[in-house]
Amino acid sequence: MSPVDLSLPFACPLPISDYPTVLLAHGGGGRLSHQLIDKVFAKAFANELLAPMHDGAVMRVPAGRIAMSTDSFVVKPLFFPGGNIGELAVCGTVNDLAMCGATPMWLTAGYILEEGLSMETLWRVASSMRQAADQAGVKIVTGDTKVVDRGKGDGIFINTAGVGLIPEGIEVAPLRMAAGDVVLLSGDIGRHGVAILSVRDGLSFESELQSDAAPLNGLVTSLLTAVGNDVHVLRDPTRGGVASALCELASAAKLGVEIHEKAIPVRDAVRGACEMLGLDPLYVANEGKLVAFVKKERADEALAALRAHPLGTEASIIGQVTAEHPGRVVMKSGMGGKRVIEMMSGEQLPRIC
């Protein structure tokens, strides 16, 4: 995800001289509630589907299949290197739809605001959501706002839901995984988790890392255009990282996955931070990467399609699917040995989304 464009009108359009922070009354359904909606959210997300300001949005859906997804975002801090909670909320839901093979179309946005939140902060978050939505080619068409007592909300929590359209002839699902499939990764891992960690609890590292948060629907479109339904499975390895994503898929398909440590790109700064903190990059969160399982005969075409897109220039083939050790992920280490990759048993890095 590109950094937020600081040329955007981050001056909050609310009369902040009167209301510089969120009040409980902003969630009460009265004049201040309507002012908040009209001057912040309606202004930030303006589009023809939102304009009627009805209880819900009405969209015309063509014949075919749709995908739906929902997610909640409670990241702390609200702003981190390379992004913020607003961008993350849009990218997270757009990416979940893209992993279904869908073209994301419409999003909802539900806010839980803490009393005392700066109006300027809220406007920056809303503006960055609009920028992320524009980049992804989606519209935020309806939403909701609630305000909770001071000390009960960590500033902002955001829930988003999304709807996307699935093209004819595309079927992307974990159960389509087949023995012999090649596993591709779209780029280096662990940046988002380490970027969050870098601004938590006063930690700092020699090299500042930017979150990799980005909408992946364009990258997925490039991949599907190149190899079509020979893309069997897609997954964005967010919480729990690449390791947990692969374990979930192996378990669902009842097949084995073998990966090669040397083939998995990890930036030196991420590797160094993980070594210092005792973390494994395989389990650190990402917000702008995908794992694809592709028919073996189309793997080279798929890799070329990923590398031709700006978000996939470092894509690599990291492994394959096997009928052996069903439900297990095994990694061949750089030293030639093998180890079983287990599902993460705890929370390695809290509050990354």
Foldseek 3Di string as FASTA:
>chain_A
DAAPDPVPPLPQQPPCVVPQWDAQVCAVPDDNVVSCCVRAQCVQQPDPQQVVVDPFGDDDDDDADKDKDKDKAQFPPQDFFAGGRLLLQLQQQLQVRVQQQFQWAEKEKEKEFETGAGSSVSNSSSNNNSVQCVVSVYGHRYYYYHYDYHPPRNGMMMMMMTMTGHDPQAGADLQLADAQWFKKKQAAFQQLQVRSVCPPPPHHDPDRGHAQAHRCNVLSVLLCVQANRQFHGKDAQFQQAQLQVQLVSLQVNQWEKEFEPVFHHHDPRRVVVCVVVVHDRRGHGHNLMMMITGRNVCVVSSLVSSCVDPRRVRMTTTTGIHRPPGSWYWYQYPVRDIDTRDRDPDRPGPRSD
